[in-house]
Every structure is written in C-alpha cells, then in structure tokens.
Full PDB file with SEQRES, HELIX, SHEET, SSBOND, CRYST1, ORIGX, SCALE, CONECT and MASTER records, all heavy atoms in Angstrom:
SEQRES   1 A   36  LEU ILE ALA TRP TYR GLU ARG HIS GLY TYR ARG LYS THR          
SEQRES   2 A   36  GLY ALA THR GLU PRO PHE PRO ALA ASP PRO SER PHE GLY          
SEQRES   3 A   36  LEU PRO LYS GLN GLU LEU GLU PHE VAL VAL                      
HELIX    1 AA1 ILE A    2  ARG A    7  1                                   6    
HELIX    2 AA2 PRO A   23  PHE A   25  5                                   3    
SHEET    1 AA1 2 THR A  16  PRO A  18  0                                        
SHEET    2 AA1 2 GLU A  33  VAL A  35 -1                                        
CRYST1    1.000    1.000    1.000  90.00  90.00  90.00 P 1           1          
ORIGX1      1.000000  0.000000  0.000000        0.00000                         
ORIGX2      0.000000  1.000000  0.000000        0.00000                         
ORIGX3      0.000000  0.000000  1.000000        0.00000                         
SCALE1      1.000000  0.000000  0.000000        0.00000                         
SCALE2      0.000000  1.000000  0.000000        0.00000                         
SCALE3      0.000000  0.000000  1.000000        0.00000                         
ATOM      1  N   LEU A   1       0.125  -9.672  -3.481  1.00  0.00           N  
ATOM      2  CA  LEU A   1      -1.012  -9.381  -2.610  1.00  0.00           C  
ATOM      3  C   LEU A   1      -2.060  -8.544  -3.344  1.00  0.00           C  
ATOM      4  O   LEU A   1      -3.260  -8.818  -3.251  1.00  0.00           O  
ATOM      5  CB  LEU A   1      -0.543  -8.662  -1.343  1.00  0.00           C  
ATOM      6  CG  LEU A   1      -1.612  -8.385  -0.290  1.00  0.00           C  
ATOM      7  CD1 LEU A   1      -2.287  -9.676   0.167  1.00  0.00           C  
ATOM      8  CD2 LEU A   1      -1.004  -7.644   0.893  1.00  0.00           C  
ATOM      9  N   ILE A   2      -1.615  -7.558  -4.098  1.00  0.00           N  
ATOM     10  CA  ILE A   2      -2.547  -6.749  -4.889  1.00  0.00           C  
ATOM     11  C   ILE A   2      -3.296  -7.635  -5.879  1.00  0.00           C  
ATOM     12  O   ILE A   2      -4.518  -7.532  -6.020  1.00  0.00           O  
ATOM     13  CB  ILE A   2      -1.797  -5.599  -5.597  1.00  0.00           C  
ATOM     14  CG1 ILE A   2      -1.330  -4.565  -4.550  1.00  0.00           C  
ATOM     15  CG2 ILE A   2      -2.665  -4.947  -6.671  1.00  0.00           C  
ATOM     16  CD1 ILE A   2      -0.348  -3.542  -5.072  1.00  0.00           C  
ATOM     17  N   ALA A   3      -2.584  -8.542  -6.525  1.00  0.00           N  
ATOM     18  CA  ALA A   3      -3.228  -9.458  -7.481  1.00  0.00           C  
ATOM     19  C   ALA A   3      -4.247 -10.356  -6.771  1.00  0.00           C  
ATOM     20  O   ALA A   3      -5.316 -10.639  -7.323  1.00  0.00           O  
ATOM     21  CB  ALA A   3      -2.176 -10.307  -8.195  1.00  0.00           C  
ATOM     22  N   TRP A   4      -3.938 -10.789  -5.546  1.00  0.00           N  
ATOM     23  CA  TRP A   4      -4.874 -11.615  -4.782  1.00  0.00           C  
ATOM     24  C   TRP A   4      -6.155 -10.840  -4.509  1.00  0.00           C  
ATOM     25  O   TRP A   4      -7.253 -11.359  -4.702  1.00  0.00           O  
ATOM     26  CB  TRP A   4      -4.213 -12.067  -3.472  1.00  0.00           C  
ATOM     27  CG  TRP A   4      -5.034 -13.026  -2.673  1.00  0.00           C  
ATOM     28  CD1 TRP A   4      -5.118 -14.382  -2.841  1.00  0.00           C  
ATOM     29  CD2 TRP A   4      -5.895 -12.720  -1.563  1.00  0.00           C  
ATOM     30  NE1 TRP A   4      -5.973 -14.930  -1.900  1.00  0.00           N  
ATOM     31  CE2 TRP A   4      -6.457 -13.923  -1.113  1.00  0.00           C  
ATOM     32  CE3 TRP A   4      -6.226 -11.537  -0.916  1.00  0.00           C  
ATOM     33  CZ2 TRP A   4      -7.350 -13.980  -0.037  1.00  0.00           C  
ATOM     34  CZ3 TRP A   4      -7.111 -11.597   0.155  1.00  0.00           C  
ATOM     35  CH2 TRP A   4      -7.666 -12.805   0.576  1.00  0.00           C  
ATOM     36  N   TYR A   5      -6.022  -9.591  -4.075  1.00  0.00           N  
ATOM     37  CA  TYR A   5      -7.214  -8.764  -3.844  1.00  0.00           C  
ATOM     38  C   TYR A   5      -7.979  -8.533  -5.147  1.00  0.00           C  
ATOM     39  O   TYR A   5      -9.217  -8.566  -5.152  1.00  0.00           O  
ATOM     40  CB  TYR A   5      -6.840  -7.425  -3.201  1.00  0.00           C  
ATOM     41  CG  TYR A   5      -6.543  -7.532  -1.727  1.00  0.00           C  
ATOM     42  CD1 TYR A   5      -5.305  -7.153  -1.214  1.00  0.00           C  
ATOM     43  CD2 TYR A   5      -7.501  -7.987  -0.831  1.00  0.00           C  
ATOM     44  CE1 TYR A   5      -5.028  -7.240   0.145  1.00  0.00           C  
ATOM     45  CE2 TYR A   5      -7.231  -8.083   0.531  1.00  0.00           C  
ATOM     46  CZ  TYR A   5      -5.998  -7.704   1.005  1.00  0.00           C  
ATOM     47  OH  TYR A   5      -5.727  -7.802   2.352  1.00  0.00           O  
ATOM     48  N   GLU A   6      -7.276  -8.331  -6.231  1.00  0.00           N  
ATOM     49  CA  GLU A   6      -7.951  -8.137  -7.521  1.00  0.00           C  
ATOM     50  C   GLU A   6      -8.752  -9.381  -7.908  1.00  0.00           C  
ATOM     51  O   GLU A   6      -9.862  -9.257  -8.441  1.00  0.00           O  
ATOM     52  CB  GLU A   6      -6.939  -7.767  -8.611  1.00  0.00           C  
ATOM     53  CG  GLU A   6      -6.402  -6.358  -8.446  1.00  0.00           C  
ATOM     54  CD  GLU A   6      -5.316  -5.990  -9.434  1.00  0.00           C  
ATOM     55  OE1 GLU A   6      -4.571  -6.889  -9.901  1.00  0.00           O  
ATOM     56  OE2 GLU A   6      -5.190  -4.794  -9.728  1.00  0.00           O  
ATOM     57  N   ARG A   7      -8.221 -10.557  -7.637  1.00  0.00           N  
ATOM     58  CA  ARG A   7      -8.972 -11.789  -7.922  1.00  0.00           C  
ATOM     59  C   ARG A   7     -10.240 -11.903  -7.078  1.00  0.00           C  
ATOM     60  O   ARG A   7     -11.148 -12.662  -7.412  1.00  0.00           O  
ATOM     61  CB  ARG A   7      -8.084 -13.026  -7.703  1.00  0.00           C  
ATOM     62  CG  ARG A   7      -7.017 -13.212  -8.768  1.00  0.00           C  
ATOM     63  CD  ARG A   7      -6.341 -14.568  -8.684  1.00  0.00           C  
ATOM     64  NE  ARG A   7      -5.687 -14.855  -7.424  1.00  0.00           N  
ATOM     65  CZ  ARG A   7      -4.444 -14.502  -7.105  1.00  0.00           C  
ATOM     66  NH1 ARG A   7      -3.706 -13.813  -7.963  1.00  0.00           N  
ATOM     67  NH2 ARG A   7      -3.939 -14.834  -5.937  1.00  0.00           N  
ATOM     68  N   HIS A   8     -10.300 -11.127  -6.006  1.00  0.00           N  
ATOM     69  CA  HIS A   8     -11.470 -11.137  -5.128  1.00  0.00           C  
ATOM     70  C   HIS A   8     -12.336  -9.892  -5.312  1.00  0.00           C  
ATOM     71  O   HIS A   8     -13.143  -9.559  -4.435  1.00  0.00           O  
ATOM     72  CB  HIS A   8     -11.026 -11.313  -3.673  1.00  0.00           C  
ATOM     73  CG  HIS A   8     -10.458 -12.671  -3.436  1.00  0.00           C  
ATOM     74  ND1 HIS A   8      -9.128 -12.963  -3.611  1.00  0.00           N  
ATOM     75  CD2 HIS A   8     -11.051 -13.848  -3.115  1.00  0.00           C  
ATOM     76  CE1 HIS A   8      -8.923 -14.242  -3.383  1.00  0.00           C  
ATOM     77  NE2 HIS A   8     -10.078 -14.799  -3.079  1.00  0.00           N  
ATOM     78  N   GLY A   9     -12.181  -9.229  -6.450  1.00  0.00           N  
ATOM     79  CA  GLY A   9     -13.077  -8.138  -6.808  1.00  0.00           C  
ATOM     80  C   GLY A   9     -12.641  -6.743  -6.428  1.00  0.00           C  
ATOM     81  O   GLY A   9     -13.367  -5.780  -6.690  1.00  0.00           O  
ATOM     82  N   TYR A  10     -11.483  -6.587  -5.831  1.00  0.00           N  
ATOM     83  CA  TYR A  10     -10.978  -5.260  -5.476  1.00  0.00           C  
ATOM     84  C   TYR A  10     -10.227  -4.677  -6.665  1.00  0.00           C  
ATOM     85  O   TYR A  10      -9.574  -5.407  -7.415  1.00  0.00           O  
ATOM     86  CB  TYR A  10     -10.077  -5.337  -4.236  1.00  0.00           C  
ATOM     87  CG  TYR A  10     -10.864  -5.672  -3.003  1.00  0.00           C  
ATOM     88  CD1 TYR A  10     -11.201  -6.992  -2.712  1.00  0.00           C  
ATOM     89  CD2 TYR A  10     -11.313  -4.680  -2.146  1.00  0.00           C  
ATOM     90  CE1 TYR A  10     -11.967  -7.312  -1.599  1.00  0.00           C  
ATOM     91  CE2 TYR A  10     -12.070  -4.989  -1.021  1.00  0.00           C  
ATOM     92  CZ  TYR A  10     -12.391  -6.305  -0.758  1.00  0.00           C  
ATOM     93  OH  TYR A  10     -13.153  -6.623   0.342  1.00  0.00           O  
ATOM     94  N   ARG A  11     -10.325  -3.364  -6.827  1.00  0.00           N  
ATOM     95  CA  ARG A  11      -9.668  -2.669  -7.942  1.00  0.00           C  
ATOM     96  C   ARG A  11      -8.886  -1.486  -7.417  1.00  0.00           C  
ATOM     97  O   ARG A  11      -9.318  -0.809  -6.477  1.00  0.00           O  
ATOM     98  CB  ARG A  11     -10.706  -2.172  -8.960  1.00  0.00           C  
ATOM     99  CG  ARG A  11     -11.503  -3.280  -9.613  1.00  0.00           C  
ATOM    100  CD  ARG A  11     -10.639  -4.084 -10.584  1.00  0.00           C  
ATOM    101  NE  ARG A  11     -11.321  -5.274 -11.060  1.00  0.00           N  
ATOM    102  CZ  ARG A  11     -11.008  -6.513 -10.739  1.00  0.00           C  
ATOM    103  NH1 ARG A  11     -10.003  -6.756  -9.930  1.00  0.00           N  
ATOM    104  NH2 ARG A  11     -11.663  -7.535 -11.234  1.00  0.00           N  
ATOM    105  N   LYS A  12      -7.739  -1.221  -8.039  1.00  0.00           N  
ATOM    106  CA  LYS A  12      -6.984  -0.008  -7.714  1.00  0.00           C  
ATOM    107  C   LYS A  12      -7.815   1.196  -8.135  1.00  0.00           C  
ATOM    108  O   LYS A  12      -8.380   1.207  -9.229  1.00  0.00           O  
ATOM    109  CB  LYS A  12      -5.652   0.004  -8.455  1.00  0.00           C  
ATOM    110  CG  LYS A  12      -4.686  -1.067  -8.024  1.00  0.00           C  
ATOM    111  CD  LYS A  12      -3.400  -0.914  -8.823  1.00  0.00           C  
ATOM    112  CE  LYS A  12      -2.630  -2.194  -8.860  1.00  0.00           C  
ATOM    113  NZ  LYS A  12      -1.479  -2.099  -9.767  1.00  0.00           N  
ATOM    114  N   THR A  13      -7.853   2.203  -7.276  1.00  0.00           N  
ATOM    115  CA  THR A  13      -8.620   3.414  -7.586  1.00  0.00           C  
ATOM    116  C   THR A  13      -7.798   4.428  -8.364  1.00  0.00           C  
ATOM    117  O   THR A  13      -8.358   5.380  -8.898  1.00  0.00           O  
ATOM    118  CB  THR A  13      -9.106   4.099  -6.293  1.00  0.00           C  
ATOM    119  OG1 THR A  13      -7.961   4.557  -5.556  1.00  0.00           O  
ATOM    120  CG2 THR A  13      -9.945   3.148  -5.446  1.00  0.00           C  
ATOM    121  N   GLY A  14      -6.483   4.254  -8.394  1.00  0.00           N  
ATOM    122  CA  GLY A  14      -5.595   5.239  -8.996  1.00  0.00           C  
ATOM    123  C   GLY A  14      -5.003   6.182  -7.961  1.00  0.00           C  
ATOM    124  O   GLY A  14      -4.043   6.885  -8.231  1.00  0.00           O  
ATOM    125  N   ALA A  15      -5.575   6.179  -6.755  1.00  0.00           N  
ATOM    126  CA  ALA A  15      -5.067   7.029  -5.681  1.00  0.00           C  
ATOM    127  C   ALA A  15      -3.931   6.322  -4.940  1.00  0.00           C  
ATOM    128  O   ALA A  15      -3.891   5.088  -4.876  1.00  0.00           O  
ATOM    129  CB  ALA A  15      -6.191   7.362  -4.699  1.00  0.00           C  
ATOM    130  N   THR A  16      -3.027   7.104  -4.419  1.00  0.00           N  
ATOM    131  CA  THR A  16      -1.936   6.584  -3.584  1.00  0.00           C  
ATOM    132  C   THR A  16      -1.890   7.404  -2.295  1.00  0.00           C  
ATOM    133  O   THR A  16      -2.417   8.515  -2.228  1.00  0.00           O  
ATOM    134  CB  THR A  16      -0.573   6.668  -4.290  1.00  0.00           C  
ATOM    135  OG1 THR A  16      -0.284   8.036  -4.594  1.00  0.00           O  
ATOM    136  CG2 THR A  16      -0.551   5.829  -5.563  1.00  0.00           C  
ATOM    137  N   GLU A  17      -1.259   6.827  -1.290  1.00  0.00           N  
ATOM    138  CA  GLU A  17      -1.049   7.515  -0.020  1.00  0.00           C  
ATOM    139  C   GLU A  17       0.379   7.261   0.421  1.00  0.00           C  
ATOM    140  O   GLU A  17       0.922   6.177   0.178  1.00  0.00           O  
ATOM    141  CB  GLU A  17      -2.018   6.994   1.053  1.00  0.00           C  
ATOM    142  CG  GLU A  17      -3.462   7.301   0.771  1.00  0.00           C  
ATOM    143  CD  GLU A  17      -4.408   6.777   1.850  1.00  0.00           C  
ATOM    144  OE1 GLU A  17      -3.923   6.299   2.913  1.00  0.00           O  
ATOM    145  OE2 GLU A  17      -5.624   6.847   1.635  1.00  0.00           O  
ATOM    146  N   PRO A  18       0.998   8.233   1.084  1.00  0.00           N  
ATOM    147  CA  PRO A  18       2.375   8.016   1.549  1.00  0.00           C  
ATOM    148  C   PRO A  18       2.412   6.996   2.678  1.00  0.00           C  
ATOM    149  O   PRO A  18       1.441   6.856   3.436  1.00  0.00           O  
ATOM    150  CB  PRO A  18       2.803   9.402   2.046  1.00  0.00           C  
ATOM    151  CG  PRO A  18       1.524  10.105   2.364  1.00  0.00           C  
ATOM    152  CD  PRO A  18       0.487   9.548   1.432  1.00  0.00           C  
ATOM    153  N   PHE A  19       3.520   6.283   2.781  1.00  0.00           N  
ATOM    154  CA  PHE A  19       3.703   5.379   3.914  1.00  0.00           C  
ATOM    155  C   PHE A  19       4.001   6.250   5.131  1.00  0.00           C  
ATOM    156  O   PHE A  19       4.793   7.183   5.052  1.00  0.00           O  
ATOM    157  CB  PHE A  19       4.851   4.392   3.650  1.00  0.00           C  
ATOM    158  CG  PHE A  19       4.909   3.287   4.666  1.00  0.00           C  
ATOM    159  CD1 PHE A  19       4.118   2.165   4.515  1.00  0.00           C  
ATOM    160  CD2 PHE A  19       5.720   3.390   5.790  1.00  0.00           C  
ATOM    161  CE1 PHE A  19       4.134   1.141   5.465  1.00  0.00           C  
ATOM    162  CE2 PHE A  19       5.741   2.371   6.737  1.00  0.00           C  
ATOM    163  CZ  PHE A  19       4.945   1.253   6.566  1.00  0.00           C  
ATOM    164  N   PRO A  20       3.416   5.947   6.287  1.00  0.00           N  
ATOM    165  CA  PRO A  20       3.616   6.794   7.474  1.00  0.00           C  
ATOM    166  C   PRO A  20       5.081   6.844   7.903  1.00  0.00           C  
ATOM    167  O   PRO A  20       5.790   5.841   7.871  1.00  0.00           O  
ATOM    168  CB  PRO A  20       2.777   6.114   8.554  1.00  0.00           C  
ATOM    169  CG  PRO A  20       1.856   5.194   7.842  1.00  0.00           C  
ATOM    170  CD  PRO A  20       2.508   4.841   6.546  1.00  0.00           C  
ATOM    171  N   ALA A  21       5.497   8.027   8.317  1.00  0.00           N  
ATOM    172  CA  ALA A  21       6.861   8.204   8.830  1.00  0.00           C  
ATOM    173  C   ALA A  21       6.964   7.734  10.278  1.00  0.00           C  
ATOM    174  O   ALA A  21       8.053   7.653  10.822  1.00  0.00           O  
ATOM    175  CB  ALA A  21       7.269   9.671   8.715  1.00  0.00           C  
ATOM    176  N   ASP A  22       5.862   7.388  10.889  1.00  0.00           N  
ATOM    177  CA  ASP A  22       5.802   6.944  12.276  1.00  0.00           C  
ATOM    178  C   ASP A  22       6.416   5.552  12.404  1.00  0.00           C  
ATOM    179  O   ASP A  22       5.939   4.595  11.791  1.00  0.00           O  
ATOM    180  CB  ASP A  22       4.337   6.923  12.710  1.00  0.00           C  
ATOM    181  CG  ASP A  22       4.130   6.526  14.155  1.00  0.00           C  
ATOM    182  OD1 ASP A  22       5.074   6.012  14.788  1.00  0.00           O  
ATOM    183  OD2 ASP A  22       3.008   6.724  14.646  1.00  0.00           O  
ATOM    184  N   PRO A  23       7.485   5.385  13.204  1.00  0.00           N  
ATOM    185  CA  PRO A  23       8.127   4.069  13.332  1.00  0.00           C  
ATOM    186  C   PRO A  23       7.239   2.987  13.923  1.00  0.00           C  
ATOM    187  O   PRO A  23       7.542   1.803  13.802  1.00  0.00           O  
ATOM    188  CB  PRO A  23       9.339   4.329  14.231  1.00  0.00           C  
ATOM    189  CG  PRO A  23       9.216   5.703  14.748  1.00  0.00           C  
ATOM    190  CD  PRO A  23       8.161   6.424  13.977  1.00  0.00           C  
ATOM    191  N   SER A  24       6.116   3.355  14.526  1.00  0.00           N  
ATOM    192  CA  SER A  24       5.225   2.330  15.061  1.00  0.00           C  
ATOM    193  C   SER A  24       4.563   1.522  13.938  1.00  0.00           C  
ATOM    194  O   SER A  24       4.020   0.457  14.179  1.00  0.00           O  
ATOM    195  CB  SER A  24       4.150   2.951  15.963  1.00  0.00           C  
ATOM    196  OG  SER A  24       3.245   3.730  15.211  1.00  0.00           O  
ATOM    197  N   PHE A  25       4.627   2.007  12.698  1.00  0.00           N  
ATOM    198  CA  PHE A  25       4.120   1.255  11.551  1.00  0.00           C  
ATOM    199  C   PHE A  25       5.201   0.361  10.941  1.00  0.00           C  
ATOM    200  O   PHE A  25       4.922  -0.422  10.052  1.00  0.00           O  
ATOM    201  CB  PHE A  25       3.601   2.215  10.462  1.00  0.00           C  
ATOM    202  CG  PHE A  25       2.317   2.887  10.824  1.00  0.00           C  
ATOM    203  CD1 PHE A  25       2.329   4.141  11.416  1.00  0.00           C  
ATOM    204  CD2 PHE A  25       1.100   2.271  10.595  1.00  0.00           C  
ATOM    205  CE1 PHE A  25       1.155   4.765  11.762  1.00  0.00           C  
ATOM    206  CE2 PHE A  25      -0.086   2.890  10.946  1.00  0.00           C  
ATOM    207  CZ  PHE A  25      -0.054   4.143  11.534  1.00  0.00           C  
ATOM    208  N   GLY A  26       6.428   0.511  11.385  1.00  0.00           N  
ATOM    209  CA  GLY A  26       7.537  -0.260  10.852  1.00  0.00           C  
ATOM    210  C   GLY A  26       8.623   0.667  10.342  1.00  0.00           C  
ATOM    211  O   GLY A  26       8.415   1.868  10.176  1.00  0.00           O  
ATOM    212  N   LEU A  27       9.767   0.083  10.100  1.00  0.00           N  
ATOM    213  CA  LEU A  27      10.932   0.833   9.636  1.00  0.00           C  
ATOM    214  C   LEU A  27      11.201   0.441   8.183  1.00  0.00           C  
ATOM    215  O   LEU A  27      11.749  -0.632   7.915  1.00  0.00           O  
ATOM    216  CB  LEU A  27      12.138   0.518  10.524  1.00  0.00           C  
ATOM    217  CG  LEU A  27      11.895   0.742  12.032  1.00  0.00           C  
ATOM    218  CD1 LEU A  27      13.013   0.126  12.846  1.00  0.00           C  
ATOM    219  CD2 LEU A  27      11.727   2.213  12.333  1.00  0.00           C  
ATOM    220  N   PRO A  28      10.808   1.301   7.229  1.00  0.00           N  
ATOM    221  CA  PRO A  28      10.960   0.958   5.809  1.00  0.00           C  
ATOM    222  C   PRO A  28      12.418   0.715   5.422  1.00  0.00           C  
ATOM    223  O   PRO A  28      13.315   1.442   5.836  1.00  0.00           O  
ATOM    224  CB  PRO A  28      10.412   2.183   5.077  1.00  0.00           C  
ATOM    225  CG  PRO A  28       9.538   2.871   6.065  1.00  0.00           C  
ATOM    226  CD  PRO A  28      10.154   2.597   7.405  1.00  0.00           C  
ATOM    227  N   LYS A  29      12.631  -0.333   4.625  1.00  0.00           N  
ATOM    228  CA  LYS A  29      13.950  -0.663   4.100  1.00  0.00           C  
ATOM    229  C   LYS A  29      14.126  -0.088   2.702  1.00  0.00           C  
ATOM    230  O   LYS A  29      15.185  -0.236   2.102  1.00  0.00           O  
ATOM    231  CB  LYS A  29      14.138  -2.186   4.087  1.00  0.00           C  
ATOM    232  CG  LYS A  29      14.094  -2.790   5.484  1.00  0.00           C  
ATOM    233  CD  LYS A  29      14.232  -4.300   5.447  1.00  0.00           C  
ATOM    234  CE  LYS A  29      14.157  -4.885   6.853  1.00  0.00           C  
ATOM    235  NZ  LYS A  29      14.288  -6.344   6.851  1.00  0.00           N  
ATOM    236  N   GLN A  30      13.085   0.535   2.173  1.00  0.00           N  
ATOM    237  CA  GLN A  30      13.099   1.189   0.877  1.00  0.00           C  
ATOM    238  C   GLN A  30      11.956   2.205   0.865  1.00  0.00           C  
ATOM    239  O   GLN A  30      11.149   2.237   1.781  1.00  0.00           O  
ATOM    240  CB  GLN A  30      12.924   0.166  -0.261  1.00  0.00           C  
ATOM    241  CG  GLN A  30      11.557  -0.505  -0.256  1.00  0.00           C  
ATOM    242  CD  GLN A  30      11.439  -1.591  -1.300  1.00  0.00           C  
ATOM    243  OE1 GLN A  30      12.180  -2.562  -1.263  1.00  0.00           O  
ATOM    244  NE2 GLN A  30      10.526  -1.433  -2.227  1.00  0.00           N  
ATOM    245  N   GLU A  31      11.894   3.023  -0.158  1.00  0.00           N  
ATOM    246  CA  GLU A  31      10.802   3.986  -0.293  1.00  0.00           C  
ATOM    247  C   GLU A  31       9.493   3.222  -0.520  1.00  0.00           C  
ATOM    248  O   GLU A  31       9.431   2.350  -1.380  1.00  0.00           O  
ATOM    249  CB  GLU A  31      11.085   4.906  -1.487  1.00  0.00           C  
ATOM    250  CG  GLU A  31      10.220   6.124  -1.546  1.00  0.00           C  
ATOM    251  CD  GLU A  31      10.558   7.165  -0.493  1.00  0.00           C  
ATOM    252  OE1 GLU A  31      11.712   7.230  -0.035  1.00  0.00           O  
ATOM    253  OE2 GLU A  31       9.645   7.914  -0.128  1.00  0.00           O  
ATOM    254  N   LEU A  32       8.470   3.538   0.270  1.00  0.00           N  
ATOM    255  CA  LEU A  32       7.200   2.828   0.170  1.00  0.00           C  
ATOM    256  C   LEU A  32       6.040   3.810   0.070  1.00  0.00           C  
ATOM    257  O   LEU A  32       6.105   4.906   0.617  1.00  0.00           O  
ATOM    258  CB  LEU A  32       6.976   1.932   1.392  1.00  0.00           C  
ATOM    259  CG  LEU A  32       7.982   0.808   1.625  1.00  0.00           C  
ATOM    260  CD1 LEU A  32       7.696   0.120   2.958  1.00  0.00           C  
ATOM    261  CD2 LEU A  32       7.947  -0.191   0.491  1.00  0.00           C  
ATOM    262  N   GLU A  33       4.995   3.364  -0.616  1.00  0.00           N  
ATOM    263  CA  GLU A  33       3.739   4.097  -0.633  1.00  0.00           C  
ATOM    264  C   GLU A  33       2.612   3.078  -0.731  1.00  0.00           C  
ATOM    265  O   GLU A  33       2.833   1.907  -1.031  1.00  0.00           O  
ATOM    266  CB  GLU A  33       3.669   5.092  -1.800  1.00  0.00           C  
ATOM    267  CG  GLU A  33       3.504   4.446  -3.158  1.00  0.00           C  
ATOM    268  CD  GLU A  33       3.314   5.461  -4.281  1.00  0.00           C  
ATOM    269  OE1 GLU A  33       3.174   6.670  -4.023  1.00  0.00           O  
ATOM    270  OE2 GLU A  33       3.302   5.020  -5.439  1.00  0.00           O  
ATOM    271  N   PHE A  34       1.404   3.539  -0.459  1.00  0.00           N  
ATOM    272  CA  PHE A  34       0.222   2.691  -0.546  1.00  0.00           C  
ATOM    273  C   PHE A  34      -0.540   2.971  -1.833  1.00  0.00           C  
ATOM    274  O   PHE A  34      -0.580   4.113  -2.290  1.00  0.00           O  
ATOM    275  CB  PHE A  34      -0.746   2.968   0.613  1.00  0.00           C  
ATOM    276  CG  PHE A  34      -0.258   2.550   1.960  1.00  0.00           C  
ATOM    277  CD1 PHE A  34       0.047   3.501   2.922  1.00  0.00           C  
ATOM    278  CD2 PHE A  34      -0.133   1.217   2.301  1.00  0.00           C  
ATOM    279  CE1 PHE A  34       0.464   3.123   4.189  1.00  0.00           C  
ATOM    280  CE2 PHE A  34       0.287   0.823   3.557  1.00  0.00           C  
ATOM    281  CZ  PHE A  34       0.588   1.788   4.504  1.00  0.00           C  
ATOM    282  N   VAL A  35      -1.156   1.930  -2.381  1.00  0.00           N  
ATOM    283  CA  VAL A  35      -2.183   2.114  -3.403  1.00  0.00           C  
ATOM    284  C   VAL A  35      -3.519   1.924  -2.693  1.00  0.00           C  
ATOM    285  O   VAL A  35      -3.627   1.130  -1.762  1.00  0.00           O  
ATOM    286  CB  VAL A  35      -2.056   1.142  -4.602  1.00  0.00           C  
ATOM    287  CG1 VAL A  35      -0.776   1.399  -5.374  1.00  0.00           C  
ATOM    288  CG2 VAL A  35      -2.118  -0.303  -4.168  1.00  0.00           C  
ATOM    289  N   VAL A  36      -4.503   2.678  -3.136  1.00  0.00           N  
ATOM    290  CA  VAL A  36      -5.842   2.564  -2.571  1.00  0.00           C  
ATOM    291  C   VAL A  36      -6.632   1.621  -3.451  1.00  0.00           C  
ATOM    292  O   VAL A  36      -6.639   1.753  -4.693  1.00  0.00           O  
ATOM    293  CB  VAL A  36      -6.531   3.942  -2.493  1.00  0.00           C  
ATOM    294  CG1 VAL A  36      -7.945   3.801  -1.942  1.00  0.00           C  
ATOM    295  CG2 VAL A  36      -5.704   4.906  -1.641  1.00  0.00           C  
TER     296      VAL A  36                                                      
MASTER        0    0    0    2    2    0    0    6  295    1    0    3          
END                                                                             
C-alpha cells in the first residue's frame, strides 16, 4: 500500500505515529505504528 501511494506521488516524511490503543480502531495482532 505504501508503494502504491508512492507511485501516486506521496512520500514518507520520516515521521511515525503510534497505533491507537482504542479498540474502536481494531484489535492489533502484532505491534503496529503509522508512517506519515
């Protein structure tokens, strides 16, 4: 998915954000974080 966005002109900024601990976003099956 990241590669698809990159093909459409989006670039990683180098920033990351934690995945929300709120279960309304889903129940992680592994450690997750976001790239901006």
